[in-house]
Each structure stands twice: as C-alpha cells, then as structure tokens.
Amino acid sequence: MDNINSNTDNGTTKESTLRMPERHHRRPKERGKFFLLRNILNIIFIIGAIVGMLVYFFQNEGAGTVIVLGAMAFKMCECVIRLVK
C-alpha cells in the first residue's frame, strides 16, 4: 500500500511515501526440477505412515513398526533431494 502525504511549507510541496516493509524471508515461488518427485515421495510417506500406525495399533506391533520405518525411508529420500537440489 502506498500512502502519499503532501505537505505545503513555504510554497513547496514535499511528498513522502509510506510503504509496507518488504518480506525478505519469502523466496520466489520456484518449483524446481524435482518438485513432482518430492511430492510423490511425500504422498507415499504419508500413506505409509498412516497405514503403519493403523497396523501397529490394531493388528501387529512388529509389522506396523516395519511399515512405518519403510515409510520413513521415502521421507529420507525426499529430504536428501531437497538438500541436494
């Protein structure tokens, strides 16, 4: 937003602009070449973690643990791709 204030002092006009500060912590929205692969790996991780928790709580603790650990492997792959970019 820009607000322009005009002040008249001795026949001269002074203009000052007040602007919102720029946000430096936001990066431009760039998807990168691995964006789709990272999203697929994240989806696999989320589904695997949910299935693993359901198996862990309702069926077999050992099998549920193995499923969650397998899902975590997909998440680790996604993190490596994110760091390497």
PDB file of N, CA and C in Angstrom:
ATOM      1  N   MET A   1       0.830  -1.163   0.000  1.00  0.00           N
ATOM      2  CA  MET A   1       0.000   0.000   0.000  1.00  0.00           C
ATOM      3  C   MET A   1       0.877   1.229   0.000  1.00  0.00           C
ATOM      4  N   ASP A   2       0.484   2.186  -0.792  1.00  0.00           N
ATOM      5  CA  ASP A   2       1.214   3.434  -0.837  1.00  0.00           C
ATOM      6  C   ASP A   2       0.310   4.552  -0.336  1.00  0.00           C
ATOM      7  N   ASN A   3       0.781   5.288   0.608  1.00  0.00           N
ATOM      8  CA  ASN A   3       0.103   6.491   1.067  1.00  0.00           C
ATOM      9  C   ASN A   3       1.000   7.667   0.726  1.00  0.00           C
ATOM     10  N   ILE A   4       0.455   8.637   0.031  1.00  0.00           N
ATOM     11  CA  ILE A   4       1.237   9.807  -0.326  1.00  0.00           C
ATOM     12  C   ILE A   4       0.665  10.989   0.448  1.00  0.00           C
ATOM     13  N   ASN A   5       1.498  11.598   1.239  1.00  0.00           N
ATOM     14  CA  ASN A   5       1.099  12.759   2.017  1.00  0.00           C
ATOM     15  C   ASN A   5       1.749  13.987   1.408  1.00  0.00           C
ATOM     16  N   SER A   6       0.978  14.983   1.106  1.00  0.00           N
ATOM     17  CA  SER A   6       1.517  16.229   0.565  1.00  0.00           C
ATOM     18  C   SER A   6       1.478  17.284   1.656  1.00  0.00           C
ATOM     19  N   ASN A   7       2.598  17.860   1.926  1.00  0.00           N
ATOM     20  CA  ASN A   7       2.699  18.932   2.898  1.00  0.00           C
ATOM     21  C   ASN A   7       3.134  20.193   2.167  1.00  0.00           C
ATOM     22  N   THR A   8       2.476  21.276   2.451  1.00  0.00           N
ATOM     23  CA  THR A   8       2.856  22.532   1.823  1.00  0.00           C
ATOM     24  C   THR A   8       3.542  23.397   2.867  1.00  0.00           C
ATOM     25  N   ASP A   9       4.783  23.731   2.590  1.00  0.00           N
ATOM     26  CA  ASP A   9       5.555  24.555   3.504  1.00  0.00           C
ATOM     27  C   ASP A   9       6.294  25.609   2.690  1.00  0.00           C
ATOM     28  N   ASN A  10       5.918  26.861   2.847  1.00  0.00           N
ATOM     29  CA  ASN A  10       6.525  27.975   2.122  1.00  0.00           C
ATOM     30  C   ASN A  10       6.374  27.830   0.612  1.00  0.00           C
ATOM     31  N   GLY A  11       5.270  27.331   0.166  1.00  0.00           N
ATOM     32  CA  GLY A  11       5.009  27.224  -1.259  1.00  0.00           C
ATOM     33  C   GLY A  11       5.623  26.012  -1.925  1.00  0.00           C
ATOM     34  N   THR A  12       6.323  25.166  -1.184  1.00  0.00           N
ATOM     35  CA  THR A  12       6.920  23.966  -1.787  1.00  0.00           C
ATOM     36  C   THR A  12       6.105  22.750  -1.366  1.00  0.00           C
ATOM     37  N   THR A  13       6.117  21.768  -2.202  1.00  0.00           N
ATOM     38  CA  THR A  13       5.381  20.540  -1.919  1.00  0.00           C
ATOM     39  C   THR A  13       6.376  19.442  -1.585  1.00  0.00           C
ATOM     40  N   LYS A  14       6.185  18.823  -0.439  1.00  0.00           N
ATOM     41  CA  LYS A  14       7.032  17.697  -0.039  1.00  0.00           C
ATOM     42  C   LYS A  14       6.174  16.443  -0.057  1.00  0.00           C
ATOM     43  N   GLU A  15       6.668  15.434  -0.718  1.00  0.00           N
ATOM     44  CA  GLU A  15       5.930  14.175  -0.773  1.00  0.00           C
ATOM     45  C   GLU A  15       6.719  13.107  -0.031  1.00  0.00           C
ATOM     46  N   SER A  16       6.029  12.389   0.804  1.00  0.00           N
ATOM     47  CA  SER A  16       6.663  11.254   1.481  1.00  0.00           C
ATOM     48  C   SER A  16       5.826  10.018   1.206  1.00  0.00           C
ATOM     49  N   THR A  17       6.495   8.942   1.028  1.00  0.00           N
ATOM     50  CA  THR A  17       5.783   7.694   0.763  1.00  0.00           C
ATOM     51  C   THR A  17       5.996   6.742   1.914  1.00  0.00           C
ATOM     52  N   LEU A  18       4.921   6.155   2.346  1.00  0.00           N
ATOM     53  CA  LEU A  18       4.978   5.125   3.372  1.00  0.00           C
ATOM     54  C   LEU A  18       4.664   3.803   2.691  1.00  0.00           C
ATOM     55  N   ARG A  19       5.580   2.886   2.771  1.00  0.00           N
ATOM     56  CA  ARG A  19       5.378   1.585   2.151  1.00  0.00           C
ATOM     57  C   ARG A  19       5.501   0.492   3.191  1.00  0.00           C
ATOM     58  N   MET A  20       4.828  -0.607   2.904  1.00  0.00           N
ATOM     59  CA  MET A  20       4.962  -1.762   3.790  1.00  0.00           C
ATOM     60  C   MET A  20       6.365  -2.337   3.608  1.00  0.00           C
ATOM     61  N   PRO A  21       6.967  -2.778   4.682  1.00  0.00           N
ATOM     62  CA  PRO A  21       8.313  -3.339   4.554  1.00  0.00           C
ATOM     63  C   PRO A  21       8.284  -4.613   3.704  1.00  0.00           C
ATOM     64  N   GLU A  22       9.354  -4.789   2.954  1.00  0.00           N
ATOM     65  CA  GLU A  22       9.451  -5.990   2.121  1.00  0.00           C
ATOM     66  C   GLU A  22       9.730  -7.197   3.001  1.00  0.00           C
ATOM     67  N   ARG A  23       9.192  -8.304   2.601  1.00  0.00           N
ATOM     68  CA  ARG A  23       9.409  -9.540   3.361  1.00  0.00           C
ATOM     69  C   ARG A  23      10.556 -10.292   2.719  1.00  0.00           C
ATOM     70  N   HIS A  24      11.655 -10.308   3.418  1.00  0.00           N
ATOM     71  CA  HIS A  24      12.847 -10.935   2.869  1.00  0.00           C
ATOM     72  C   HIS A  24      12.902 -12.426   3.104  1.00  0.00           C
ATOM     73  N   HIS A  25      12.071 -12.930   4.010  1.00  0.00           N
ATOM     74  CA  HIS A  25      12.145 -14.347   4.331  1.00  0.00           C
ATOM     75  C   HIS A  25      11.412 -15.223   3.316  1.00  0.00           C
ATOM     76  N   ARG A  26      10.662 -14.641   2.417  1.00  0.00           N
ATOM     77  CA  ARG A  26       9.957 -15.440   1.422  1.00  0.00           C
ATOM     78  C   ARG A  26      10.781 -15.548   0.156  1.00  0.00           C
ATOM     79  N   ARG A  27      10.916 -16.737  -0.325  1.00  0.00           N
ATOM     80  CA  ARG A  27      11.621 -16.965  -1.574  1.00  0.00           C
ATOM     81  C   ARG A  27      10.634 -16.872  -2.728  1.00  0.00           C
ATOM     82  N   PRO A  28      11.127 -16.551  -3.893  1.00  0.00           N
ATOM     83  CA  PRO A  28      10.221 -16.581  -5.042  1.00  0.00           C
ATOM     84  C   PRO A  28       9.692 -17.995  -5.250  1.00  0.00           C
ATOM     85  N   LYS A  29       8.497 -18.090  -5.764  1.00  0.00           N
ATOM     86  CA  LYS A  29       7.879 -19.400  -5.905  1.00  0.00           C
ATOM     87  C   LYS A  29       8.489 -20.141  -7.092  1.00  0.00           C
ATOM     88  N   GLU A  30       9.542 -20.878  -6.806  1.00  0.00           N
ATOM     89  CA  GLU A  30      10.172 -21.686  -7.822  1.00  0.00           C
ATOM     90  C   GLU A  30       9.953 -23.145  -7.470  1.00  0.00           C
ATOM     91  N   ARG A  31       9.542 -23.900  -8.415  1.00  0.00           N
ATOM     92  CA  ARG A  31       9.191 -25.286  -8.135  1.00  0.00           C
ATOM     93  C   ARG A  31      10.402 -26.203  -8.215  1.00  0.00           C
ATOM     94  N   GLY A  32      11.320 -25.927  -9.046  1.00  0.00           N
ATOM     95  CA  GLY A  32      12.489 -26.784  -9.178  1.00  0.00           C
ATOM     96  C   GLY A  32      12.192 -28.002 -10.029  1.00  0.00           C
ATOM     97  N   LYS A  33      13.257 -28.681 -10.423  1.00  0.00           N
ATOM     98  CA  LYS A  33      13.075 -29.818 -11.321  1.00  0.00           C
ATOM     99  C   LYS A  33      12.640 -31.090 -10.605  1.00  0.00           C
ATOM    100  N   PHE A  34      12.755 -31.134  -9.281  1.00  0.00           N
ATOM    101  CA  PHE A  34      12.379 -32.334  -8.536  1.00  0.00           C
ATOM    102  C   PHE A  34      11.070 -32.156  -7.768  1.00  0.00           C
ATOM    103  N   PHE A  35      10.324 -31.109  -8.073  1.00  0.00           N
ATOM    104  CA  PHE A  35       9.104 -30.795  -7.326  1.00  0.00           C
ATOM    105  C   PHE A  35       8.106 -31.953  -7.362  1.00  0.00           C
ATOM    106  N   LEU A  36       7.847 -32.494  -8.533  1.00  0.00           N
ATOM    107  CA  LEU A  36       6.872 -33.581  -8.671  1.00  0.00           C
ATOM    108  C   LEU A  36       7.359 -34.844  -7.952  1.00  0.00           C
ATOM    109  N   LEU A  37       8.619 -35.171  -8.098  1.00  0.00           N
ATOM    110  CA  LEU A  37       9.174 -36.351  -7.430  1.00  0.00           C
ATOM    111  C   LEU A  37       9.090 -36.204  -5.909  1.00  0.00           C
ATOM    112  N   ARG A  38       9.405 -35.018  -5.397  1.00  0.00           N
ATOM    113  CA  ARG A  38       9.318 -34.789  -3.947  1.00  0.00           C
ATOM    114  C   ARG A  38       7.888 -34.924  -3.453  1.00  0.00           C
ATOM    115  N   ASN A  39       6.928 -34.422  -4.221  1.00  0.00           N
ATOM    116  CA  ASN A  39       5.524 -34.542  -3.815  1.00  0.00           C
ATOM    117  C   ASN A  39       5.081 -35.998  -3.806  1.00  0.00           C
ATOM    118  N   ILE A  40       5.496 -36.766  -4.796  1.00  0.00           N
ATOM    119  CA  ILE A  40       5.135 -38.191  -4.837  1.00  0.00           C
ATOM    120  C   ILE A  40       5.737 -38.921  -3.643  1.00  0.00           C
ATOM    121  N   LEU A  41       6.996 -38.644  -3.333  1.00  0.00           N
ATOM    122  CA  LEU A  41       7.638 -39.283  -2.175  1.00  0.00           C
ATOM    123  C   LEU A  41       6.947 -38.887  -0.870  1.00  0.00           C
ATOM    124  N   ASN A  42       6.516 -37.644  -0.763  1.00  0.00           N
ATOM    125  CA  ASN A  42       5.791 -37.204   0.439  1.00  0.00           C
ATOM    126  C   ASN A  42       4.446 -37.903   0.562  1.00  0.00           C
ATOM    127  N   ILE A  43       3.747 -38.077  -0.545  1.00  0.00           N
ATOM    128  CA  ILE A  43       2.458 -38.776  -0.517  1.00  0.00           C
ATOM    129  C   ILE A  43       2.646 -40.227  -0.095  1.00  0.00           C
ATOM    130  N   ILE A  44       3.674 -40.872  -0.632  1.00  0.00           N
ATOM    131  CA  ILE A  44       3.967 -42.261  -0.243  1.00  0.00           C
ATOM    132  C   ILE A  44       4.275 -42.325   1.248  1.00  0.00           C
ATOM    133  N   PHE A  45       5.055 -41.368   1.744  1.00  0.00           N
ATOM    134  CA  PHE A  45       5.388 -41.342   3.169  1.00  0.00           C
ATOM    135  C   PHE A  45       4.134 -41.188   4.029  1.00  0.00           C
ATOM    136  N   ILE A  46       3.277 -40.260   3.677  1.00  0.00           N
ATOM    137  CA  ILE A  46       2.082 -40.005   4.490  1.00  0.00           C
ATOM    138  C   ILE A  46       1.173 -41.231   4.510  1.00  0.00           C
ATOM    139  N   ILE A  47       0.939 -41.818   3.346  1.00  0.00           N
ATOM    140  CA  ILE A  47       0.085 -43.011   3.282  1.00  0.00           C
ATOM    141  C   ILE A  47       0.720 -44.159   4.054  1.00  0.00           C
ATOM    142  N   GLY A  48       2.024 -44.347   3.882  1.00  0.00           N
ATOM    143  CA  GLY A  48       2.721 -45.416   4.599  1.00  0.00           C
ATOM    144  C   GLY A  48       2.695 -45.223   6.099  1.00  0.00           C
ATOM    145  N   ALA A  49       2.856 -43.984   6.551  1.00  0.00           N
ATOM    146  CA  ALA A  49       2.834 -43.720   7.994  1.00  0.00           C
ATOM    147  C   ALA A  49       1.447 -43.986   8.577  1.00  0.00           C
ATOM    148  N   ILE A  50       0.413 -43.587   7.856  1.00  0.00           N
ATOM    149  CA  ILE A  50      -0.952 -43.824   8.343  1.00  0.00           C
ATOM    150  C   ILE A  50      -1.259 -45.316   8.390  1.00  0.00           C
ATOM    151  N   VAL A  51      -0.912 -46.023   7.311  1.00  0.00           N
ATOM    152  CA  VAL A  51      -1.155 -47.469   7.279  1.00  0.00           C
ATOM    153  C   VAL A  51      -0.344 -48.154   8.377  1.00  0.00           C
ATOM    154  N   GLY A  52       0.904 -47.743   8.538  1.00  0.00           N
ATOM    155  CA  GLY A  52       1.748 -48.337   9.571  1.00  0.00           C
ATOM    156  C   GLY A  52       1.197 -48.124  10.970  1.00  0.00           C
ATOM    157  N   MET A  53       0.676 -46.933  11.233  1.00  0.00           N
ATOM    158  CA  MET A  53       0.085 -46.682  12.560  1.00  0.00           C
ATOM    159  C   MET A  53      -1.164 -47.522  12.774  1.00  0.00           C
ATOM    160  N   LEU A  54      -1.992 -47.634  11.736  1.00  0.00           N
ATOM    161  CA  LEU A  54      -3.199 -48.456  11.871  1.00  0.00           C
ATOM    162  C   LEU A  54      -2.850 -49.922  12.127  1.00  0.00           C
ATOM    163  N   VAL A  55      -1.863 -50.422  11.389  1.00  0.00           N
ATOM    164  CA  VAL A  55      -1.434 -51.817  11.605  1.00  0.00           C
ATOM    165  C   VAL A  55      -0.838 -51.965  13.000  1.00  0.00           C
ATOM    166  N   TYR A  56      -0.037 -50.992  13.410  1.00  0.00           N
ATOM    167  CA  TYR A  56       0.601 -51.057  14.717  1.00  0.00           C
ATOM    168  C   TYR A  56      -0.434 -51.124  15.844  1.00  0.00           C
ATOM    169  N   PHE A  57      -1.450 -50.265  15.779  1.00  0.00           N
ATOM    170  CA  PHE A  57      -2.416 -50.203  16.867  1.00  0.00           C
ATOM    171  C   PHE A  57      -3.489 -51.286  16.806  1.00  0.00           C
ATOM    172  N   PHE A  58      -3.837 -51.755  15.618  1.00  0.00           N
ATOM    173  CA  PHE A  58      -4.971 -52.677  15.511  1.00  0.00           C
ATOM    174  C   PHE A  58      -4.607 -54.100  15.107  1.00  0.00           C
ATOM    175  N   GLN A  59      -3.404 -54.339  14.613  1.00  0.00           N
ATOM    176  CA  GLN A  59      -3.049 -55.686  14.172  1.00  0.00           C
ATOM    177  C   GLN A  59      -1.809 -56.214  14.898  1.00  0.00           C
ATOM    178  N   ASN A  60      -0.652 -55.865  14.371  1.00  0.00           N
ATOM    179  CA  ASN A  60       0.596 -56.441  14.839  1.00  0.00           C
ATOM    180  C   ASN A  60       1.616 -55.319  15.030  1.00  0.00           C
ATOM    181  N   GLU A  61       2.172 -55.209  16.231  1.00  0.00           N
ATOM    182  CA  GLU A  61       3.114 -54.134  16.509  1.00  0.00           C
ATOM    183  C   GLU A  61       4.376 -54.234  15.655  1.00  0.00           C
ATOM    184  N   GLY A  62       4.873 -55.432  15.473  1.00  0.00           N
ATOM    185  CA  GLY A  62       6.099 -55.625  14.686  1.00  0.00           C
ATOM    186  C   GLY A  62       5.918 -55.221  13.223  1.00  0.00           C
ATOM    187  N   ALA A  63       4.824 -55.658  12.622  1.00  0.00           N
ATOM    188  CA  ALA A  63       4.565 -55.321  11.221  1.00  0.00           C
ATOM    189  C   ALA A  63       4.312 -53.820  11.069  1.00  0.00           C
ATOM    190  N   GLY A  64       3.609 -53.226  12.013  1.00  0.00           N
ATOM    191  CA  GLY A  64       3.365 -51.789  11.966  1.00  0.00           C
ATOM    192  C   GLY A  64       4.650 -50.990  12.042  1.00  0.00           C
ATOM    193  N   THR A  65       5.567 -51.437  12.892  1.00  0.00           N
ATOM    194  CA  THR A  65       6.860 -50.769  13.019  1.00  0.00           C
ATOM    195  C   THR A  65       7.641 -50.837  11.715  1.00  0.00           C
ATOM    196  N   VAL A  66       7.629 -52.002  11.075  1.00  0.00           N
ATOM    197  CA  VAL A  66       8.348 -52.179   9.805  1.00  0.00           C
ATOM    198  C   VAL A  66       7.742 -51.279   8.725  1.00  0.00           C
ATOM    199  N   ILE A  67       6.432 -51.169   8.685  1.00  0.00           N
ATOM    200  CA  ILE A  67       5.764 -50.327   7.681  1.00  0.00           C
ATOM    201  C   ILE A  67       6.111 -48.856   7.904  1.00  0.00           C
ATOM    202  N   VAL A  68       6.094 -48.404   9.149  1.00  0.00           N
ATOM    203  CA  VAL A  68       6.435 -47.011   9.440  1.00  0.00           C
ATOM    204  C   VAL A  68       7.895 -46.736   9.100  1.00  0.00           C
ATOM    205  N   LEU A  69       8.786 -47.665   9.404  1.00  0.00           N
ATOM    206  CA  LEU A  69      10.198 -47.483   9.055  1.00  0.00           C
ATOM    207  C   LEU A  69      10.392 -47.438   7.544  1.00  0.00           C
ATOM    208  N   GLY A  70       9.639 -48.265   6.817  1.00  0.00           N
ATOM    209  CA  GLY A  70       9.705 -48.214   5.353  1.00  0.00           C
ATOM    210  C   GLY A  70       9.218 -46.871   4.822  1.00  0.00           C
ATOM    211  N   ALA A  71       8.161 -46.339   5.423  1.00  0.00           N
ATOM    212  CA  ALA A  71       7.657 -45.030   5.013  1.00  0.00           C
ATOM    213  C   ALA A  71       8.682 -43.940   5.319  1.00  0.00           C
ATOM    214  N   MET A  72       9.388 -44.092   6.432  1.00  0.00           N
ATOM    215  CA  MET A  72      10.415 -43.117   6.781  1.00  0.00           C
ATOM    216  C   MET A  72      11.564 -43.113   5.777  1.00  0.00           C
ATOM    217  N   ALA A  73      11.826 -44.237   5.151  1.00  0.00           N
ATOM    218  CA  ALA A  73      12.869 -44.295   4.119  1.00  0.00           C
ATOM    219  C   ALA A  73      12.498 -43.388   2.944  1.00  0.00           C
ATOM    220  N   PHE A  74      11.211 -43.362   2.576  1.00  0.00           N
ATOM    221  CA  PHE A  74      10.771 -42.469   1.500  1.00  0.00           C
ATOM    222  C   PHE A  74      10.935 -41.006   1.912  1.00  0.00           C
ATOM    223  N   LYS A  75      10.650 -40.708   3.161  1.00  0.00           N
ATOM    224  CA  LYS A  75      10.809 -39.332   3.647  1.00  0.00           C
ATOM    225  C   LYS A  75      12.272 -38.929   3.650  1.00  0.00           C
ATOM    226  N   MET A  76      13.153 -39.833   4.021  1.00  0.00           N
ATOM    227  CA  MET A  76      14.576 -39.526   3.998  1.00  0.00           C
ATOM    228  C   MET A  76      15.065 -39.253   2.576  1.00  0.00           C
ATOM    229  N   CYS A  77      14.566 -40.023   1.618  1.00  0.00           N
ATOM    230  CA  CYS A  77      14.916 -39.781   0.213  1.00  0.00           C
ATOM    231  C   CYS A  77      14.461 -38.395  -0.216  1.00  0.00           C
ATOM    232  N   GLU A  78      13.261 -38.003   0.189  1.00  0.00           N
ATOM    233  CA  GLU A  78      12.746 -36.683  -0.164  1.00  0.00           C
ATOM    234  C   GLU A  78      13.603 -35.582   0.467  1.00  0.00           C
ATOM    235  N   CYS A  79      14.037 -35.791   1.694  1.00  0.00           N
ATOM    236  CA  CYS A  79      14.877 -34.790   2.361  1.00  0.00           C
ATOM    237  C   CYS A  79      16.233 -34.657   1.671  1.00  0.00           C
ATOM    238  N   VAL A  80      16.797 -35.769   1.251  1.00  0.00           N
ATOM    239  CA  VAL A  80      18.077 -35.723   0.533  1.00  0.00           C
ATOM    240  C   VAL A  80      17.914 -34.950  -0.773  1.00  0.00           C
ATOM    241  N   ILE A  81      16.827 -35.196  -1.496  1.00  0.00           N
ATOM    242  CA  ILE A  81      16.597 -34.471  -2.750  1.00  0.00           C
ATOM    243  C   ILE A  81      16.418 -32.975  -2.462  1.00  0.00           C
ATOM    244  N   ARG A  82      15.733 -32.639  -1.384  1.00  0.00           N
ATOM    245  CA  ARG A  82      15.526 -31.228  -1.039  1.00  0.00           C
ATOM    246  C   ARG A  82      16.853 -30.552  -0.717  1.00  0.00           C
ATOM    247  N   LEU A  83      17.734 -31.234  -0.015  1.00  0.00           N
ATOM    248  CA  LEU A  83      19.009 -30.639   0.363  1.00  0.00           C
ATOM    249  C   LEU A  83      19.971 -30.536  -0.811  1.00  0.00           C
ATOM    250  N   VAL A  84      19.926 -31.496  -1.723  1.00  0.00           N
ATOM    251  CA  VAL A  84      20.861 -31.519  -2.839  1.00  0.00           C
ATOM    252  C   VAL A  84      20.513 -30.468  -3.883  1.00  0.00           C
ATOM    253  N   LYS A  85      19.223 -30.332  -4.186  1.00  0.00           N
ATOM    254  CA  LYS A  85      18.732 -29.505  -5.269  1.00  0.00           C
ATOM    255  C   LYS A  85      19.862 -28.928  -6.030  1.00  0.00           C
TER     256      LYS A  85
END
